[in-house]
């Protein structure tokens, strides 16, 4: 199994062992907003923590951790240009598989500028992106996000995340990879199973988005277990829990 979106820097050492024991072999840890990003140096320290510390903590427990680096909409420092200038060099690291997580939180002018710049960079470098959708005002802001994606990047490079029943109709006919975030306060395992039963398995990947918010590091294997109990075939379960993410990220 692959957990396609986590925040390893906020999790205890033991979570990685529990994930590996439950059958999660790989995960993608995304940059986010664990601190007030008052300067670019704080964000670079955050990147370094994921790249150097968390990958080792995960590996010591049998979990292969890949990384996505980018400017989250809640972590835009006043000198964000410094980060944008440095990103191409950081993306050369072989364990960095995407720019992320990026996107919009409130769709402010600053957020839209930073999001567009990162989409343009991803398009120029032909790099995948992991795109955030917010909890608040989710549908309206997702519509703005969709418009910006359609204007600025090849859809084959996009994973749009935190898909739920409030926005699935907006994205289901797209070419994007769709991230189902199975997490307390976002989506239960039962709701994930229902959505997959309704919309199919071809476009979706599973993720836990474990962070400092209420989270379950075992939500991906628990969803797989529920899919098996519901009678879905092994091919479809393998697709949503492993193959789709493996193909998208080349891992």
Protein backbone atom coordinates (compact mmCIF):
# COMPACT_ATOMS: atom_id res chain seq x y z
CA UNK A 1 0.00 0.00 0.00
CA UNK A 2 0.94 3.63 -0.59
CA UNK A 3 -0.31 6.49 1.58
CA UNK A 4 -0.30 9.28 -0.99
CA UNK A 5 -0.31 12.29 1.37
CA UNK A 6 1.05 12.56 4.92
CA UNK A 7 2.91 15.06 7.09
CA UNK A 8 5.61 12.96 8.68
CA UNK A 9 7.21 15.81 10.61
CA UNK A 10 4.20 16.02 12.94
CA UNK A 11 4.03 12.29 13.75
CA UNK A 12 5.53 10.08 16.41
CA UNK A 13 8.26 7.58 15.55
CA UNK A 14 5.93 4.71 16.42
CA UNK A 15 3.36 5.71 13.80
CA UNK A 16 5.75 4.66 11.04
CA UNK A 17 6.16 1.20 12.56
CA UNK A 18 2.40 0.81 12.89
CA UNK A 19 1.89 1.84 9.27
CA UNK A 20 4.52 -0.62 8.05
CA UNK A 21 3.12 -3.46 10.16
CA UNK A 22 -0.32 -2.76 8.69
CA UNK A 23 1.05 -3.08 5.15
CA UNK A 24 1.84 0.51 4.13
CA UNK A 25 5.14 0.22 2.28
CA UNK A 26 5.50 3.77 0.91
CA UNK A 27 4.21 7.23 1.71
CA UNK A 28 4.59 10.78 0.40
CA UNK A 29 5.29 13.46 3.00
CA UNK A 30 4.20 16.91 1.88
CA UNK A 31 5.43 20.31 2.96
CA UNK A 32 2.75 22.25 4.84
CA UNK A 33 2.37 24.85 7.60
CA UNK A 34 3.62 23.39 10.92
CA UNK A 35 5.13 26.73 11.95
CA UNK A 36 4.59 30.40 11.25
CA UNK A 37 6.66 30.83 8.10
CA UNK A 38 7.93 34.28 9.02
CA UNK A 39 10.90 34.00 6.66
CA UNK A 40 12.06 31.69 3.91
CA UNK A 41 14.66 30.25 6.29
CA UNK A 42 11.90 28.74 8.42
CA UNK A 43 10.42 27.05 5.38
CA UNK A 44 13.83 25.76 4.29
CA UNK A 45 14.34 24.29 7.76
CA UNK A 46 10.96 22.59 7.40
CA UNK A 47 11.99 21.14 4.03
CA UNK A 48 15.27 19.92 5.48
CA UNK A 49 13.49 18.29 8.41
CA UNK A 50 11.37 16.22 6.01
CA UNK A 51 14.26 15.36 3.69
CA UNK A 52 16.89 14.50 6.28
CA UNK A 53 15.12 13.55 9.49
CA UNK A 54 11.71 12.12 8.66
CA UNK A 55 12.88 9.94 5.78
CA UNK A 56 15.34 8.29 8.18
CA UNK A 57 12.76 7.87 10.95
CA UNK A 58 10.41 6.20 8.50
CA UNK A 59 13.14 4.00 6.97
CA UNK A 60 14.16 2.75 10.40
CA UNK A 61 10.65 1.34 10.71
CA UNK A 62 10.44 -0.17 7.23
CA UNK A 63 8.49 2.64 5.58
CA UNK A 64 9.88 4.19 2.38
CA UNK A 65 9.19 7.91 2.51
CA UNK A 66 9.10 10.10 -0.57
CA UNK A 67 8.74 13.88 -0.39
CA UNK A 68 6.78 16.74 -1.94
CA UNK A 69 8.15 20.27 -1.48
CA UNK A 70 6.34 23.52 -2.10
CA UNK A 71 4.72 26.57 -0.55
CA UNK A 72 1.43 25.69 1.14
CA UNK A 73 -1.13 28.52 0.95
CA UNK A 74 -0.93 28.91 4.74
CA UNK A 75 2.88 29.11 4.72
CA UNK A 76 3.66 32.01 2.40
CA UNK A 77 6.56 33.98 3.84
CA UNK A 78 7.09 37.66 2.95
CA UNK A 79 10.21 36.62 1.02
CA UNK A 80 8.58 33.67 -0.78
CA UNK A 81 10.47 34.57 -3.96
CA UNK A 82 13.59 33.11 -2.35
CA UNK A 83 11.80 29.77 -1.98
CA UNK A 84 10.55 29.82 -5.57
CA UNK A 85 14.07 30.49 -6.80
CA UNK A 86 15.46 27.57 -4.78
CA UNK A 87 12.76 25.03 -5.58
CA UNK A 88 14.18 23.81 -8.93
CA UNK A 89 17.42 22.82 -7.22
CA UNK A 90 15.59 21.10 -4.36
CA UNK A 91 13.46 19.15 -6.83
CA UNK A 92 16.57 17.44 -8.20
CA UNK A 93 16.73 15.28 -5.07
CA UNK A 94 15.70 11.78 -6.18
CA UNK A 95 13.27 11.30 -3.30
CA UNK A 96 11.32 14.46 -4.19
CA UNK A 97 8.45 13.29 -6.39
CA UNK A 98 6.21 16.38 -6.53
CA UNK A 99 5.71 20.05 -5.77
CA UNK A 100 3.32 20.15 -2.86
CA UNK A 101 1.23 20.60 -1.18
CA UNK A 102 0.20 23.77 -2.94
CA UNK A 103 -3.11 25.43 -3.68
CA UNK A 104 -5.57 27.90 -2.22
CA UNK A 105 -6.96 28.32 1.29
CA UNK A 106 -8.90 31.58 1.01
CA UNK A 107 -8.13 32.45 -2.62
CA UNK A 108 -6.42 35.70 -1.69
CA UNK A 109 -4.40 37.61 -4.26
CA UNK A 110 -1.15 36.46 -2.66
CA UNK A 111 -2.26 32.81 -2.56
CA UNK A 112 -3.28 32.87 -6.21
CA UNK A 113 0.03 34.45 -7.23
CA UNK A 114 2.14 31.88 -5.37
CA UNK A 115 -0.05 29.00 -6.58
CA UNK A 116 0.18 30.13 -10.20
CA UNK A 117 3.95 30.55 -10.00
CA UNK A 118 4.34 27.01 -8.68
CA UNK A 119 2.03 25.58 -11.33
CA UNK A 120 4.07 27.32 -14.01
CA UNK A 121 7.26 25.93 -12.51
CA UNK A 122 5.80 22.43 -12.45
CA UNK A 123 4.71 22.78 -16.07
CA UNK A 124 8.13 24.01 -17.15
CA UNK A 125 9.92 21.21 -15.30
CA UNK A 126 7.26 18.56 -16.05
CA UNK A 127 6.91 17.81 -12.34
CA UNK A 128 3.84 16.46 -10.56
CA UNK A 129 1.90 18.65 -8.14
CA UNK A 130 -0.16 17.80 -5.06
CA UNK A 131 -2.97 20.34 -4.79
CA UNK A 132 -4.72 21.26 -1.54
CA UNK A 133 -8.45 21.94 -1.23
CA UNK A 134 -9.60 23.63 2.00
CA UNK A 135 -12.11 22.63 4.66
CA UNK A 136 -13.83 26.05 4.71
CA UNK A 137 -15.75 27.39 1.71
CA UNK A 138 -14.49 24.26 -0.02
CA UNK A 139 -16.67 24.20 -3.11
CA UNK A 140 -16.26 27.85 -4.11
CA UNK A 141 -12.51 27.84 -3.59
CA UNK A 142 -12.15 24.53 -5.41
CA UNK A 143 -13.85 26.13 -8.42
CA UNK A 144 -11.16 28.84 -8.43
CA UNK A 145 -8.48 26.16 -8.01
CA UNK A 146 -9.86 24.20 -10.96
CA UNK A 147 -9.84 27.28 -13.20
CA UNK A 148 -6.20 27.94 -12.35
CA UNK A 149 -5.23 24.32 -12.95
CA UNK A 150 -6.92 24.31 -16.33
CA UNK A 151 -5.11 27.51 -17.34
CA UNK A 152 -1.60 26.67 -16.14
CA UNK A 153 -0.69 22.97 -16.12
CA UNK A 154 -0.99 19.71 -18.00
CA UNK A 155 -3.70 17.71 -16.19
CA UNK A 156 -1.56 14.56 -16.26
CA UNK A 157 0.74 16.24 -13.70
CA UNK A 158 -1.97 16.94 -11.10
CA UNK A 159 -3.15 15.18 -7.95
CA UNK A 160 -5.97 17.23 -6.46
CA UNK A 161 -6.52 16.22 -2.88
CA UNK A 162 -9.04 16.06 -0.04
CA UNK A 163 -11.85 15.12 -2.43
CA UNK A 164 -15.19 14.58 -0.71
CA UNK A 165 -18.89 14.54 -1.59
CA UNK A 166 -19.05 18.34 -1.68
CA UNK A 167 -16.70 18.63 -4.67
CA UNK A 168 -16.41 15.22 -6.33
CA UNK A 169 -18.86 16.23 -9.08
CA UNK A 170 -16.53 19.12 -10.00
CA UNK A 171 -13.52 16.88 -10.61
CA UNK A 172 -14.69 13.39 -11.51
CA UNK A 173 -14.64 14.04 -15.26
CA UNK A 174 -11.13 15.54 -15.20
CA UNK A 175 -7.87 13.82 -16.09
CA UNK A 176 -6.40 14.53 -12.65
CA UNK A 177 -5.54 11.98 -10.02
CA UNK A 178 -8.05 12.37 -7.19
CA UNK A 179 -6.92 12.03 -3.58
CA UNK A 180 -9.38 10.57 -1.08
CA UNK A 181 -8.30 11.79 2.34
CA UNK A 182 -9.61 9.32 4.92
CA UNK A 183 -9.24 11.28 8.12
CA UNK A 184 -11.38 12.16 11.15
CA UNK A 185 -13.33 15.36 10.38
CA UNK A 186 -12.81 14.86 6.61
CA UNK A 187 -13.95 11.42 5.44
CA UNK A 188 -14.68 8.12 7.19
CA UNK A 189 -13.67 4.75 5.80
CA UNK A 190 -17.34 3.96 5.12
CA UNK A 191 -17.80 7.16 3.11
CA UNK A 192 -14.63 6.40 1.13
CA UNK A 193 -15.94 2.93 0.30
CA UNK A 194 -19.28 4.39 -0.79
CA UNK A 195 -17.61 6.99 -3.02
CA UNK A 196 -15.40 4.39 -4.68
CA UNK A 197 -18.40 2.15 -5.23
CA UNK A 198 -20.22 5.02 -6.95
CA UNK A 199 -17.40 6.58 -8.98
CA UNK A 200 -15.01 3.69 -9.57
CA UNK A 201 -11.34 3.16 -8.80
CA UNK A 202 -9.51 4.36 -11.90
CA UNK A 203 -8.82 7.95 -10.84
CA UNK A 204 -8.47 7.74 -7.06
CA UNK A 205 -5.62 7.30 -4.60
CA UNK A 206 -5.97 6.86 -0.85
CA UNK A 207 -4.26 9.00 1.75
CA UNK A 208 -4.47 9.68 5.47
CA UNK A 209 -3.16 13.27 5.56
CA UNK A 210 -1.85 12.48 9.05
CA UNK A 211 -0.74 15.68 10.74
CA UNK A 212 -1.13 17.50 14.04
CA UNK A 213 -4.91 17.58 13.42
CA UNK A 214 -7.07 14.58 14.40
CA UNK A 215 -5.60 11.78 12.28
CA UNK A 216 -5.39 8.03 11.86
CA UNK A 217 -2.09 6.65 10.50
CA UNK A 218 -3.89 3.40 9.69
CA UNK A 219 -6.74 4.92 7.68
CA UNK A 220 -5.44 3.57 4.36
CA UNK A 221 -5.18 -0.08 5.51
CA UNK A 222 -8.51 0.27 7.33
CA UNK A 223 -10.14 1.48 4.12
CA UNK A 224 -8.61 -1.44 2.22
CA UNK A 225 -10.01 -3.78 4.88
CA UNK A 226 -13.49 -2.25 4.51
CA UNK A 227 -13.27 -2.57 0.71
CA UNK A 228 -12.47 -6.27 1.08
CA UNK A 229 -15.36 -6.77 3.48
CA UNK A 230 -17.66 -5.00 1.02
CA UNK A 231 -16.72 -7.54 -1.67
CA UNK A 232 -14.75 -5.38 -4.09
CA UNK A 233 -12.30 -7.28 -6.25
CA UNK A 234 -8.57 -7.38 -5.54
CA UNK A 235 -7.68 -5.63 -8.80
CA UNK A 236 -9.71 -2.54 -7.92
CA UNK A 237 -8.45 -2.47 -4.35
CA UNK A 238 -4.85 -2.77 -5.55
CA UNK A 239 -5.46 0.05 -8.00
CA UNK A 240 -6.69 2.57 -5.44
CA UNK A 241 -4.34 1.57 -2.63
CA UNK A 242 -1.13 1.14 -4.62
CA UNK A 243 -1.03 1.09 -8.42
CA UNK A 244 -2.54 4.50 -9.20
CA UNK A 245 -0.13 6.28 -6.88
CA UNK A 246 2.82 4.14 -7.96
CA UNK A 247 2.16 4.95 -11.61
CA UNK A 248 1.60 8.67 -11.00
CA UNK A 249 4.77 9.14 -8.96
CA UNK A 250 6.92 6.52 -10.64
CA UNK A 251 7.67 4.79 -7.34
